[in-house]
């Protein structure tokens, strides 16, 4: 069985931050992912925290196993999966 065409262009992005763990987003472009990550950072990261950049196609297994991995949402659908906002 093949994936639906609409999902083939989705990519996972990780945005590390200067405080907190960061923001994880699945989107069809880095620009869309960055917009969602910045909105999320403003509401969910510690005051003054800045996003450091994007890590495209992040292998989620490389993220913090104690806090991030147990708390992520589904990474195969559009939206912010860390913090878990896409479900």
C-alpha atoms as a PDB file:
ATOM      1  CA  UNK A   1       0.000   0.000   0.000  1.00  0.00           C
ATOM      2  CA  UNK A   2       1.368   3.446  -0.841  1.00  0.00           C
ATOM      3  CA  UNK A   3       1.020   6.631   1.145  1.00  0.00           C
ATOM      4  CA  UNK A   4      -1.614   9.114   0.005  1.00  0.00           C
ATOM      5  CA  UNK A   5      -0.145  11.706  -2.359  1.00  0.00           C
ATOM      6  CA  UNK A   6      -0.997  14.543   0.023  1.00  0.00           C
ATOM      7  CA  UNK A   7       1.358  13.094   2.639  1.00  0.00           C
ATOM      8  CA  UNK A   8       4.385  12.586   0.407  1.00  0.00           C
ATOM      9  CA  UNK A   9       5.459  16.210   0.635  1.00  0.00           C
ATOM     10  CA  UNK A  10       5.230  16.448   4.438  1.00  0.00           C
ATOM     11  CA  UNK A  11       8.486  16.834   6.335  1.00  0.00           C
ATOM     12  CA  UNK A  12       9.391  16.796  10.010  1.00  0.00           C
ATOM     13  CA  UNK A  13      11.216  19.826  11.392  1.00  0.00           C
ATOM     14  CA  UNK A  14      12.790  20.351  14.790  1.00  0.00           C
ATOM     15  CA  UNK A  15      13.405  23.878  16.042  1.00  0.00           C
ATOM     16  CA  UNK A  16      15.832  23.852  19.003  1.00  0.00           C
ATOM     17  CA  UNK A  17      15.432  26.730  21.418  1.00  0.00           C
ATOM     18  CA  UNK A  18      17.598  28.751  23.783  1.00  0.00           C
ATOM     19  CA  UNK A  19      15.358  27.624  26.665  1.00  0.00           C
ATOM     20  CA  UNK A  20      13.068  24.633  26.941  1.00  0.00           C
ATOM     21  CA  UNK A  21      13.403  21.649  24.646  1.00  0.00           C
ATOM     22  CA  UNK A  22      12.278  23.172  21.351  1.00  0.00           C
ATOM     23  CA  UNK A  23       9.371  22.763  18.962  1.00  0.00           C
ATOM     24  CA  UNK A  24       8.608  19.903  16.564  1.00  0.00           C
ATOM     25  CA  UNK A  25       6.454  20.483  13.487  1.00  0.00           C
ATOM     26  CA  UNK A  26       5.342  18.502  10.465  1.00  0.00           C
ATOM     27  CA  UNK A  27       4.546  20.672   7.440  1.00  0.00           C
ATOM     28  CA  UNK A  28       4.875  20.761   3.682  1.00  0.00           C
ATOM     29  CA  UNK A  29       7.476  23.545   3.745  1.00  0.00           C
ATOM     30  CA  UNK A  30      10.044  25.002   6.085  1.00  0.00           C
ATOM     31  CA  UNK A  31       8.280  28.368   5.907  1.00  0.00           C
ATOM     32  CA  UNK A  32       4.999  26.862   7.129  1.00  0.00           C
ATOM     33  CA  UNK A  33       6.821  24.896   9.818  1.00  0.00           C
ATOM     34  CA  UNK A  34       8.674  28.002  11.004  1.00  0.00           C
ATOM     35  CA  UNK A  35       5.429  29.988  11.240  1.00  0.00           C
ATOM     36  CA  UNK A  36       3.821  27.280  13.391  1.00  0.00           C
ATOM     37  CA  UNK A  37       6.974  26.910  15.501  1.00  0.00           C
ATOM     38  CA  UNK A  38       7.217  30.647  16.177  1.00  0.00           C
ATOM     39  CA  UNK A  39       3.542  30.840  17.189  1.00  0.00           C
ATOM     40  CA  UNK A  40       4.040  27.863  19.494  1.00  0.00           C
ATOM     41  CA  UNK A  41       7.266  29.202  20.981  1.00  0.00           C
ATOM     42  CA  UNK A  42       5.570  32.471  21.895  1.00  0.00           C
ATOM     43  CA  UNK A  43       2.919  30.594  23.888  1.00  0.00           C
ATOM     44  CA  UNK A  44       4.685  27.493  25.214  1.00  0.00           C
ATOM     45  CA  UNK A  45       8.398  28.167  25.690  1.00  0.00           C
ATOM     46  CA  UNK A  46       9.845  30.072  28.647  1.00  0.00           C
ATOM     47  CA  UNK A  47       9.719  33.882  28.337  1.00  0.00           C
ATOM     48  CA  UNK A  48      12.539  35.190  26.156  1.00  0.00           C
ATOM     49  CA  UNK A  49      13.285  31.808  24.567  1.00  0.00           C
ATOM     50  CA  UNK A  50      14.367  32.032  20.935  1.00  0.00           C
ATOM     51  CA  UNK A  51      14.248  29.393  18.230  1.00  0.00           C
ATOM     52  CA  UNK A  52      17.762  28.654  16.977  1.00  0.00           C
ATOM     53  CA  UNK A  53      17.032  27.320  13.504  1.00  0.00           C
ATOM     54  CA  UNK A  54      15.423  24.417  11.728  1.00  0.00           C
ATOM     55  CA  UNK A  55      16.587  20.808  11.582  1.00  0.00           C
ATOM     56  CA  UNK A  56      14.736  19.392   8.558  1.00  0.00           C
ATOM     57  CA  UNK A  57      13.816  15.710   8.333  1.00  0.00           C
ATOM     58  CA  UNK A  58      14.672  15.181  11.986  1.00  0.00           C
ATOM     59  CA  UNK A  59      14.945  11.583  13.114  1.00  0.00           C
ATOM     60  CA  UNK A  60      12.764  11.796  16.222  1.00  0.00           C
ATOM     61  CA  UNK A  61      14.751   8.967  17.820  1.00  0.00           C
ATOM     62  CA  UNK A  62      17.569  11.489  18.321  1.00  0.00           C
ATOM     63  CA  UNK A  63      15.419  13.753  20.523  1.00  0.00           C
ATOM     64  CA  UNK A  64      15.405  13.716  24.313  1.00  0.00           C
ATOM     65  CA  UNK A  65      14.264  10.212  25.351  1.00  0.00           C
ATOM     66  CA  UNK A  66      13.200  11.208  28.855  1.00  0.00           C
ATOM     67  CA  UNK A  67      10.873  14.101  28.082  1.00  0.00           C
ATOM     68  CA  UNK A  68      10.374  14.813  24.377  1.00  0.00           C
ATOM     69  CA  UNK A  69       9.788  11.294  23.042  1.00  0.00           C
ATOM     70  CA  UNK A  70       7.188  10.275  25.635  1.00  0.00           C
ATOM     71  CA  UNK A  71       5.290  13.504  24.996  1.00  0.00           C
ATOM     72  CA  UNK A  72       5.205  13.875  21.206  1.00  0.00           C
ATOM     73  CA  UNK A  73       2.072  13.741  19.109  1.00  0.00           C
ATOM     74  CA  UNK A  74       1.874  11.972  15.748  1.00  0.00           C
ATOM     75  CA  UNK A  75       4.692  13.127  13.482  1.00  0.00           C
ATOM     76  CA  UNK A  76       2.994  11.938  10.275  1.00  0.00           C
ATOM     77  CA  UNK A  77       0.233  14.567  10.256  1.00  0.00           C
ATOM     78  CA  UNK A  78       0.506  18.316   9.751  1.00  0.00           C
ATOM     79  CA  UNK A  79       0.944  20.416  12.839  1.00  0.00           C
ATOM     80  CA  UNK A  80       2.942  20.863  15.999  1.00  0.00           C
ATOM     81  CA  UNK A  81       3.841  17.489  17.484  1.00  0.00           C
ATOM     82  CA  UNK A  82       6.055  18.840  20.275  1.00  0.00           C
ATOM     83  CA  UNK A  83       4.620  20.127  22.410  1.00  0.00           C
ATOM     84  CA  UNK A  84       1.757  17.829  21.521  1.00  0.00           C
ATOM     85  CA  UNK A  85      -0.720  20.190  19.874  1.00  0.00           C
ATOM     86  CA  UNK A  86      -1.698  18.271  16.722  1.00  0.00           C
ATOM     87  CA  UNK A  87      -4.179  15.909  18.383  1.00  0.00           C
END
